C-alpha atoms as a PDB file:
ATOM      1  CA  GLY A   1     -36.573 -23.692   4.179  1.00  0.00           C
ATOM      2  CA  TYR A   2     -33.986 -26.456   4.358  1.00  0.00           C
ATOM      3  CA  PHE A   3     -36.118 -29.328   5.643  1.00  0.00           C
ATOM      4  CA  GLY A   4     -39.684 -30.023   4.632  1.00  0.00           C
ATOM      5  CA  ALA A   5     -42.396 -32.669   4.769  1.00  0.00           C
ATOM      6  CA  THR A   6     -45.618 -33.174   2.874  1.00  0.00           C
ATOM      7  CA  ASP A   7     -48.373 -35.757   2.496  1.00  0.00           C
ATOM      8  CA  ALA A   8     -48.835 -37.311  -0.936  1.00  0.00           C
ATOM      9  CA  GLU A   9     -50.127 -40.374  -2.760  1.00  0.00           C
ATOM     10  CA  ILE A  10     -48.274 -42.806  -5.011  1.00  0.00           C
ATOM     11  CA  GLU A  11     -50.324 -45.438  -6.829  1.00  0.00           C
ATOM     12  CA  GLY A  12     -53.160 -44.686  -4.432  1.00  0.00           C
ATOM     13  CA  HIS A  13     -51.013 -45.309  -1.351  1.00  0.00           C
ATOM     14  CA  PRO A  14     -50.571 -42.587   1.288  1.00  0.00           C
ATOM     15  CA  VAL A  15     -46.966 -41.379   1.467  1.00  0.00           C
ATOM     16  CA  ILE A  16     -45.104 -38.856   3.608  1.00  0.00           C
ATOM     17  CA  ILE A  17     -42.285 -37.238   1.629  1.00  0.00           C
ATOM     18  CA  THR A  18     -39.480 -35.598   3.613  1.00  0.00           C
ATOM     19  CA  ARG A  19     -36.529 -33.598   2.329  1.00  0.00           C
ATOM     20  CA  THR A  20     -33.971 -35.643   4.235  1.00  0.00           C
ATOM     21  CA  GLY A  21     -31.392 -38.289   3.440  1.00  0.00           C
ATOM     22  CA  TYR A  22     -28.303 -40.198   4.510  1.00  0.00           C
ATOM     23  CA  THR A  23     -25.901 -38.907   1.872  1.00  0.00           C
ATOM     24  CA  GLY A  24     -24.044 -35.661   1.267  1.00  0.00           C
ATOM     25  CA  ASP A  25     -26.382 -34.607  -1.524  1.00  0.00           C
ATOM     26  CA  LEU A  26     -29.919 -33.322  -1.867  1.00  0.00           C
ATOM     27  CA  GLY A  27     -32.258 -36.176  -0.998  1.00  0.00           C
ATOM     28  CA  TYR A  28     -35.821 -37.164  -0.271  1.00  0.00           C
ATOM     29  CA  GLU A  29     -37.216 -40.018   1.801  1.00  0.00           C
ATOM     30  CA  LEU A  30     -40.600 -41.712   1.479  1.00  0.00           C
ATOM     31  CA  TRP A  31     -42.418 -42.927   4.573  1.00  0.00           C
ATOM     32  CA  ILE A  32     -44.985 -45.605   3.799  1.00  0.00           C
ATOM     33  CA  GLU A  33     -46.787 -48.600   5.250  1.00  0.00           C
ATOM     34  CA  SER A  34     -44.668 -51.724   4.853  1.00  0.00           C
ATOM     35  CA  GLY A  35     -47.404 -53.464   2.871  1.00  0.00           C
ATOM     36  CA  ASP A  36     -47.311 -50.712   0.244  1.00  0.00           C
ATOM     37  CA  ALA A  37     -43.546 -50.888  -0.297  1.00  0.00           C
ATOM     38  CA  CYS A  38     -43.420 -53.056  -3.435  1.00  0.00           C
ATOM     39  CA  SER A  39     -46.147 -51.128  -5.243  1.00  0.00           C
ATOM     40  CA  VAL A  40     -44.571 -47.748  -4.419  1.00  0.00           C
ATOM     41  CA  TRP A  41     -41.111 -49.037  -5.383  1.00  0.00           C
ATOM     42  CA  ASP A  42     -42.313 -50.275  -8.765  1.00  0.00           C
ATOM     43  CA  ALA A  43     -44.064 -46.961  -9.443  1.00  0.00           C
ATOM     44  CA  LEU A  44     -40.905 -45.013  -8.592  1.00  0.00           C
ATOM     45  CA  MET A  45     -38.710 -47.177 -10.808  1.00  0.00           C
ATOM     46  CA  GLU A  46     -41.130 -46.810 -13.723  1.00  0.00           C
ATOM     47  CA  ALA A  47     -41.515 -43.036 -13.303  1.00  0.00           C
ATOM     48  CA  GLY A  48     -37.763 -42.555 -12.973  1.00  0.00           C
ATOM     49  CA  SER A  49     -36.706 -44.870 -15.794  1.00  0.00           C
ATOM     50  CA  GLY A  50     -36.052 -41.933 -18.114  1.00  0.00           C
ATOM     51  CA  HIS A  51     -34.234 -39.926 -15.457  1.00  0.00           C
ATOM     52  CA  ASN A  52     -31.344 -42.263 -14.568  1.00  0.00           C
ATOM     53  CA  ILE A  53     -32.975 -43.531 -11.373  1.00  0.00           C
ATOM     54  CA  THR A  54     -30.801 -46.360 -10.029  1.00  0.00           C
ATOM     55  CA  PRO A  55     -31.251 -48.610  -6.984  1.00  0.00           C
ATOM     56  CA  ILE A  56     -28.267 -48.789  -4.627  1.00  0.00           C
ATOM     57  CA  GLY A  57     -27.431 -51.102  -1.756  1.00  0.00           C
ATOM     58  CA  THR A  58     -26.618 -50.343   1.857  1.00  0.00           C
ATOM     59  CA  THR A  59     -22.850 -50.475   1.283  1.00  0.00           C
ATOM     60  CA  ALA A  60     -23.053 -47.712  -1.335  1.00  0.00           C
ATOM     61  CA  LEU A  61     -25.270 -45.716   1.022  1.00  0.00           C
ATOM     62  CA  LYS A  62     -22.755 -46.110   3.848  1.00  0.00           C
ATOM     63  CA  MET A  63     -19.917 -45.009   1.576  1.00  0.00           C
ATOM     64  CA  ALA A  64     -21.914 -41.880   0.736  1.00  0.00           C
ATOM     65  CA  ARG A  65     -22.555 -41.129   4.401  1.00  0.00           C
ATOM     66  CA  VAL A  66     -18.780 -41.113   5.070  1.00  0.00           C
ATOM     67  CA  GLU A  67     -18.372 -38.558   2.264  1.00  0.00           C
ATOM     68  CA  ALA A  68     -21.087 -36.561   4.029  1.00  0.00           C
ATOM     69  CA  GLY A  69     -19.370 -36.866   7.421  1.00  0.00           C
ATOM     70  CA  LEU A  70     -22.475 -38.442   8.960  1.00  0.00           C
ATOM     71  CA  LEU A  71     -21.710 -40.512  12.053  1.00  0.00           C
ATOM     72  CA  LEU A  72     -23.234 -43.961  12.424  1.00  0.00           C
ATOM     73  CA  MET A  73     -24.377 -45.068  15.861  1.00  0.00           C
ATOM     74  CA  GLY A  74     -22.799 -48.384  16.796  1.00  0.00           C
ATOM     75  CA  THR A  75     -19.812 -47.630  14.569  1.00  0.00           C
ATOM     76  CA  ASP A  76     -18.560 -44.069  15.083  1.00  0.00           C
ATOM     77  CA  PHE A  77     -20.056 -43.786  18.563  1.00  0.00           C
ATOM     78  CA  HIS A  78     -22.070 -45.889  20.983  1.00  0.00           C
ATOM     79  CA  SER A  79     -24.935 -45.310  23.353  1.00  0.00           C
ATOM     80  CA  ALA A  80     -23.717 -44.297  26.810  1.00  0.00           C
ATOM     81  CA  ARG A  81     -26.347 -46.654  28.228  1.00  0.00           C
ATOM     82  CA  PHE A  82     -24.199 -49.615  27.217  1.00  0.00           C
ATOM     83  CA  ALA A  83     -20.791 -48.188  28.162  1.00  0.00           C
ATOM     84  CA  TRP A  84     -18.704 -50.035  30.750  1.00  0.00           C
ATOM     85  CA  VAL A  85     -15.972 -47.412  31.115  1.00  0.00           C
ATOM     86  CA  ASP A  86     -15.572 -43.698  30.384  1.00  0.00           C
ATOM     87  CA  ALA A  87     -13.498 -44.400  27.267  1.00  0.00           C
ATOM     88  CA  GLN A  88     -16.676 -45.823  25.707  1.00  0.00           C
ATOM     89  CA  ARG A  89     -18.635 -42.641  26.415  1.00  0.00           C
ATOM     90  CA  GLU A  90     -18.322 -39.483  24.321  1.00  0.00           C
ATOM     91  CA  THR A  91     -19.589 -35.952  24.700  1.00  0.00           C
ATOM     92  CA  PRO A  92     -21.155 -34.000  21.820  1.00  0.00           C
ATOM     93  CA  SER A  93     -17.944 -31.958  21.524  1.00  0.00           C
ATOM     94  CA  GLU A  94     -15.883 -35.153  21.285  1.00  0.00           C
ATOM     95  CA  LEU A  95     -18.171 -36.238  18.455  1.00  0.00           C
ATOM     96  CA  GLY A  96     -17.324 -33.043  16.589  1.00  0.00           C
ATOM     97  CA  TRP A  97     -20.629 -31.360  17.387  1.00  0.00           C
ATOM     98  CA  SER A  98     -19.365 -28.409  19.428  1.00  0.00           C
ATOM     99  CA  TRP A  99     -21.111 -26.103  16.931  1.00  0.00           C
ATOM    100  CA  MET A 100     -24.332 -27.019  18.729  1.00  0.00           C
ATOM    101  CA  PHE A 101     -23.257 -24.963  21.737  1.00  0.00           C
ATOM    102  CA  LYS A 102     -22.196 -21.731  20.101  1.00  0.00           C
ATOM    103  CA  GLY A 103     -23.931 -18.974  22.018  1.00  0.00           C
ATOM    104  CA  ILE A 104     -24.848 -21.240  24.925  1.00  0.00           C
ATOM    105  CA  SER A 105     -23.767 -18.544  27.389  1.00  0.00           C
ATOM    106  CA  GLN A 106     -26.463 -16.242  25.970  1.00  0.00           C
ATOM    107  CA  ASP A 107     -29.213 -18.854  26.282  1.00  0.00           C
ATOM    108  CA  ASP A 108     -30.277 -20.028  29.738  1.00  0.00           C
ATOM    109  CA  ARG A 109     -32.782 -22.692  28.681  1.00  0.00           C
ATOM    110  CA  PRO A 110     -32.195 -25.924  30.642  1.00  0.00           C
ATOM    111  CA  PHE A 111     -31.451 -29.301  29.096  1.00  0.00           C
ATOM    112  CA  ILE A 112     -30.085 -32.608  30.374  1.00  0.00           C
ATOM    113  CA  GLY A 113     -26.293 -32.508  30.598  1.00  0.00           C
ATOM    114  CA  ARG A 114     -26.030 -28.726  30.328  1.00  0.00           C
ATOM    115  CA  SER A 115     -23.824 -28.232  33.396  1.00  0.00           C
ATOM    116  CA  ALA A 116     -21.404 -30.969  32.276  1.00  0.00           C
ATOM    117  CA  ILE A 117     -21.159 -29.497  28.778  1.00  0.00           C
ATOM    118  CA  GLU A 118     -20.566 -25.993  30.135  1.00  0.00           C
ATOM    119  CA  LEU A 119     -17.796 -27.318  32.399  1.00  0.00           C
ATOM    120  CA  GLU A 120     -16.184 -29.195  29.491  1.00  0.00           C
ATOM    121  CA  ILE A 121     -16.194 -26.034  27.366  1.00  0.00           C
ATOM    122  CA  GLN A 122     -14.933 -23.829  30.203  1.00  0.00           C
ATOM    123  CA  GLU A 123     -12.077 -26.151  31.146  1.00  0.00           C
ATOM    124  CA  ARG A 124     -11.357 -27.311  27.587  1.00  0.00           C
ATOM    125  CA  ALA A 125     -11.636 -30.811  28.916  1.00  0.00           C
ATOM    126  CA  SER A 126     -12.507 -32.702  25.718  1.00  0.00           C
ATOM    127  CA  ARG A 127     -10.275 -35.767  25.461  1.00  0.00           C
ATOM    128  CA  TRP A 128     -10.448 -35.918  21.672  1.00  0.00           C
ATOM    129  CA  THR A 129     -12.666 -34.865  18.804  1.00  0.00           C
ATOM    130  CA  THR A 130     -14.042 -36.501  15.678  1.00  0.00           C
ATOM    131  CA  VAL A 131     -12.427 -35.445  12.400  1.00  0.00           C
ATOM    132  CA  GLY A 132     -12.174 -36.396   8.767  1.00  0.00           C
ATOM    133  CA  LEU A 133      -9.042 -37.935   7.253  1.00  0.00           C
ATOM    134  CA  ALA A 134      -8.052 -37.928   3.591  1.00  0.00           C
ATOM    135  CA  VAL A 135      -5.463 -40.592   2.822  1.00  0.00           C
ATOM    136  CA  ASP A 136      -2.574 -39.708   0.520  1.00  0.00           C
ATOM    137  CA  TRP A 137      -3.336 -41.820  -2.541  1.00  0.00           C
ATOM    138  CA  HIS A 138       0.280 -42.112  -3.698  1.00  0.00           C
ATOM    139  CA  ASP A 139       1.407 -43.394  -0.287  1.00  0.00           C
ATOM    140  CA  TYR A 140      -1.587 -45.732  -0.121  1.00  0.00           C
ATOM    141  CA  GLU A 141      -0.788 -47.119  -3.573  1.00  0.00           C
ATOM    142  CA  ARG A 142       2.894 -47.480  -2.678  1.00  0.00           C
ATOM    143  CA  VAL A 143       2.421 -49.889   0.239  1.00  0.00           C
ATOM    144  CA  TYR A 144       0.265 -52.198  -1.875  1.00  0.00           C
ATOM    145  CA  THR A 145       2.497 -51.998  -4.942  1.00  0.00           C
ATOM    146  CA  GLU A 146       5.567 -52.851  -2.852  1.00  0.00           C
ATOM    147  CA  ALA A 147       3.713 -55.945  -1.650  1.00  0.00           C
ATOM    148  CA  GLY A 148       3.003 -56.945  -5.248  1.00  0.00           C
ATOM    149  CA  VAL A 149      -0.758 -56.382  -5.193  1.00  0.00           C
ATOM    150  CA  VAL A 150      -3.156 -53.852  -6.677  1.00  0.00           C
ATOM    151  CA  PRO A 151      -4.526 -51.415  -4.079  1.00  0.00           C
ATOM    152  CA  PRO A 152      -8.260 -51.833  -3.445  1.00  0.00           C
ATOM    153  CA  ARG A 153     -10.233 -48.860  -4.685  1.00  0.00           C
ATOM    154  CA  HIS A 154     -13.937 -48.378  -5.265  1.00  0.00           C
ATOM    155  CA  GLU A 155     -15.149 -51.433  -3.352  1.00  0.00           C
ATOM    156  CA  ILE A 156     -13.716 -50.382   0.031  1.00  0.00           C
ATOM    157  CA  TYR A 157     -15.961 -49.814   3.008  1.00  0.00           C
ATOM    158  CA  SER A 158     -14.933 -50.748   6.532  1.00  0.00           C
ATOM    159  CA  GLU A 159     -16.326 -50.249  10.018  1.00  0.00           C
ATOM    160  CA  SER A 160     -13.333 -51.966  11.633  1.00  0.00           C
ATOM    161  CA  THR A 161     -11.106 -49.971  13.985  1.00  0.00           C
ATOM    162  CA  MET A 162      -7.847 -48.774  12.392  1.00  0.00           C
ATOM    163  CA  SER A 163      -5.079 -47.234  14.504  1.00  0.00           C
ATOM    164  CA  VAL A 164      -3.738 -43.734  13.855  1.00  0.00           C
ATOM    165  CA  TYR A 165      -0.206 -42.705  14.874  1.00  0.00           C
ATOM    166  CA  ARG A 166       1.675 -39.452  15.299  1.00  0.00           C
ATOM    167  CA  ARG A 167       4.353 -38.634  12.757  1.00  0.00           C
ATOM    168  CA  SER A 168       6.760 -37.875  15.601  1.00  0.00           C
ATOM    169  CA  GLY A 169       9.743 -39.924  14.504  1.00  0.00           C
ATOM    170  CA  VAL A 170       8.863 -42.531  17.127  1.00  0.00           C
ATOM    171  CA  ASP A 171       7.555 -45.782  15.655  1.00  0.00           C
ATOM    172  CA  TRP A 172       3.938 -46.622  16.437  1.00  0.00           C
ATOM    173  CA  ASP A 173       3.322 -43.468  18.524  1.00  0.00           C
ATOM    174  CA  TYR A 174      -0.405 -44.055  19.060  1.00  0.00           C
ATOM    175  CA  ALA A 175      -2.687 -41.030  18.635  1.00  0.00           C
ATOM    176  CA  GLY A 176      -6.208 -42.283  17.983  1.00  0.00           C
ATOM    177  CA  TYR A 177      -8.247 -44.463  15.681  1.00  0.00           C
ATOM    178  CA  VAL A 178     -10.456 -44.585  12.608  1.00  0.00           C
ATOM    179  CA  SER A 179     -14.018 -45.837  13.035  1.00  0.00           C
ATOM    180  CA  SER A 180     -15.197 -45.684   9.390  1.00  0.00           C
ATOM    181  CA  PHE A 181     -13.127 -45.991   6.216  1.00  0.00           C
ATOM    182  CA  THR A 182     -14.047 -45.901   2.550  1.00  0.00           C
ATOM    183  CA  SER A 183     -12.581 -45.163  -0.855  1.00  0.00           C
ATOM    184  CA  SER A 184     -14.531 -42.340  -2.442  1.00  0.00           C
ATOM    185  CA  SER A 185     -15.056 -42.762  -6.182  1.00  0.00           C
ATOM    186  CA  LEU A 186     -16.531 -39.255  -6.201  1.00  0.00           C
ATOM    187  CA  LEU A 187     -13.542 -37.533  -4.563  1.00  0.00           C
ATOM    188  CA  ARG A 188     -11.022 -40.122  -5.814  1.00  0.00           C
ATOM    189  CA  THR A 189      -9.257 -40.761  -2.529  1.00  0.00           C
ATOM    190  CA  PRO A 190      -9.660 -42.971   0.552  1.00  0.00           C
ATOM    191  CA  LEU A 191     -11.545 -41.161   3.328  1.00  0.00           C
ATOM    192  CA  ALA A 192     -12.027 -41.889   7.013  1.00  0.00           C
ATOM    193  CA  ILE A 193     -13.802 -40.705  10.142  1.00  0.00           C
ATOM    194  CA  ALA A 194     -11.352 -40.655  13.049  1.00  0.00           C
ATOM    195  CA  LYS A 195     -10.931 -39.765  16.724  1.00  0.00           C
ATOM    196  CA  LEU A 196      -7.857 -37.653  17.417  1.00  0.00           C
ATOM    197  CA  PRO A 197      -6.522 -35.583  20.342  1.00  0.00           C
ATOM    198  CA  LEU A 198      -7.110 -31.856  20.036  1.00  0.00           C
ATOM    199  CA  ASP A 199      -3.498 -31.019  19.156  1.00  0.00           C
ATOM    200  CA  LEU A 200      -3.817 -33.116  15.982  1.00  0.00           C
ATOM    201  CA  ALA A 201      -7.395 -32.189  15.109  1.00  0.00           C
ATOM    202  CA  GLY A 202      -6.745 -29.035  13.092  1.00  0.00           C
ATOM    203  CA  PRO A 203      -7.265 -29.201   9.314  1.00  0.00           C
ATOM    204  CA  GLY A 204      -3.955 -29.925   7.609  1.00  0.00           C
ATOM    205  CA  SER A 205      -2.459 -31.951  10.474  1.00  0.00           C
ATOM    206  CA  GLU A 206      -0.665 -35.052   9.219  1.00  0.00           C
ATOM    207  CA  VAL A 207      -0.834 -38.509  10.793  1.00  0.00           C
ATOM    208  CA  ASP A 208      -0.027 -42.104   9.895  1.00  0.00           C
ATOM    209  CA  LEU A 209      -2.930 -44.477   9.325  1.00  0.00           C
ATOM    210  CA  GLU A 210      -2.357 -48.194   9.776  1.00  0.00           C
ATOM    211  CA  VAL A 211      -3.643 -50.399   6.964  1.00  0.00           C
ATOM    212  CA  ASN A 212      -3.238 -54.144   6.615  1.00  0.00           C
ATOM    213  CA  VAL A 213      -1.593 -55.300   3.393  1.00  0.00           C
ATOM    214  CA  ILE A 214      -1.602 -59.087   3.036  1.00  0.00           C
ATOM    215  CA  ARG A 215      -2.052 -59.372   6.822  1.00  0.00           C
ATOM    216  CA  ARG A 216       0.883 -57.069   7.621  1.00  0.00           C
ATOM    217  CA  PRO A 217       0.461 -53.586   9.159  1.00  0.00           C
ATOM    218  CA  GLN A 218       1.707 -50.680   7.069  1.00  0.00           C
ATOM    219  CA  ASN A 219       1.475 -46.951   7.754  1.00  0.00           C
ATOM    220  CA  VAL A 220       0.242 -44.496   5.132  1.00  0.00           C
ATOM    221  CA  LEU A 221       0.112 -40.716   5.247  1.00  0.00           C
ATOM    222  CA  ALA A 222      -3.250 -39.085   5.982  1.00  0.00           C
ATOM    223  CA  GLN A 223      -4.262 -35.473   6.461  1.00  0.00           C
ATOM    224  CA  VAL A 224      -6.985 -34.051   8.703  1.00  0.00           C
ATOM    225  CA  LYS A 225      -9.831 -32.519   6.700  1.00  0.00           C
ATOM    226  CA  GLN A 226     -12.917 -30.662   7.766  1.00  0.00           C
ATOM    227  CA  MET A 227     -16.130 -32.650   7.366  1.00  0.00           C
ATOM    228  CA  PRO A 228     -18.290 -33.001   5.403  1.00  0.00           C
ATOM    229  CA  PHE A 229     -15.946 -34.002   2.617  1.00  0.00           C
ATOM    230  CA  PHE A 230     -18.741 -33.544   0.068  1.00  0.00           C
ATOM    231  CA  ASN A 231     -21.120 -30.646   0.627  1.00  0.00           C
ATOM    232  CA  PRO A 232     -22.744 -29.245  -2.541  1.00  0.00           C
ATOM    233  CA  ALA A 233     -24.700 -26.002  -2.238  1.00  0.00           C
ATOM    234  CA  ARG A 234     -27.845 -27.634  -3.648  1.00  0.00           C
ATOM    235  CA  LYS A 235     -28.122 -29.868  -0.582  1.00  0.00           C
ATOM    236  CA  SER A 236     -29.122 -26.989   1.695  1.00  0.00           C
ATOM    237  CA  ALA A 237     -30.633 -24.572  -0.823  1.00  0.00           C
ATOM    238  CA  ASP A 238     -34.071 -23.209   0.003  1.00  0.00           C
ATOM    239  CA  MET A 239     -36.693 -25.421  -1.582  1.00  0.00           C
ATOM    240  CA  GLY A 240     -37.703 -22.600  -3.918  1.00  0.00           C
ATOM    241  CA  GLU A 241     -34.105 -22.330  -5.139  1.00  0.00           C
ATOM    242  CA  GLU A 242     -33.449 -25.980  -6.007  1.00  0.00           C
ATOM    243  CA  LYS A 243     -33.778 -25.545  -9.777  1.00  0.00           C
ATOM    244  CA  SER A 244     -31.098 -22.887  -9.843  1.00  0.00           C
ATOM    245  CA  ALA A 245     -28.764 -24.515  -7.268  1.00  0.00           C
END
């Protein structure tokens, strides 16, 4: 199967090992008592010392989750419990999760929100959807070079809102916004998670992304891409197939 969980021991401490993770690659997570953390950590670092095991920080982890197209609550969406207006609420389809409801008409099991979701699908009433953006590196480099500075690369990670505009010939024709932005050293291009209206949400659609260069807004070309950006076959291989994936 894809997911799995098992009980184990590390240095005499009980551990639950799950085949899960917050990146776009094959990963495992260890669930332990907080008091056992240092001992288990030291054992892992020692056992992995000959296998290129390397600690990473939360910023690197967040950069990897953008490559994986994983949405972060509080950044890419917010709990409806704390919304003041409808613009702060989003449906699963608006979060890019419409795949969850394929075949819903053939399954009559009830769940909270079913009637609203069915109406949204029937009337095509989604206001926007969540998509990936790949920024054109040459255009990105250009706006920084023209300002006399070197474009930031591998250290970029931002959860600040960035505006997205239509390439309609009208200046600052607002279309949507970016909620997460990073520069992927793996894929060698800046990547973003964005909210766009449905007419711009198809892969290959081109938009302008606003970046700030020395405190001045500049637009750079970006193209809609299907998420996840990084999706190796080994990530979802059956557990018995991992060695050959």
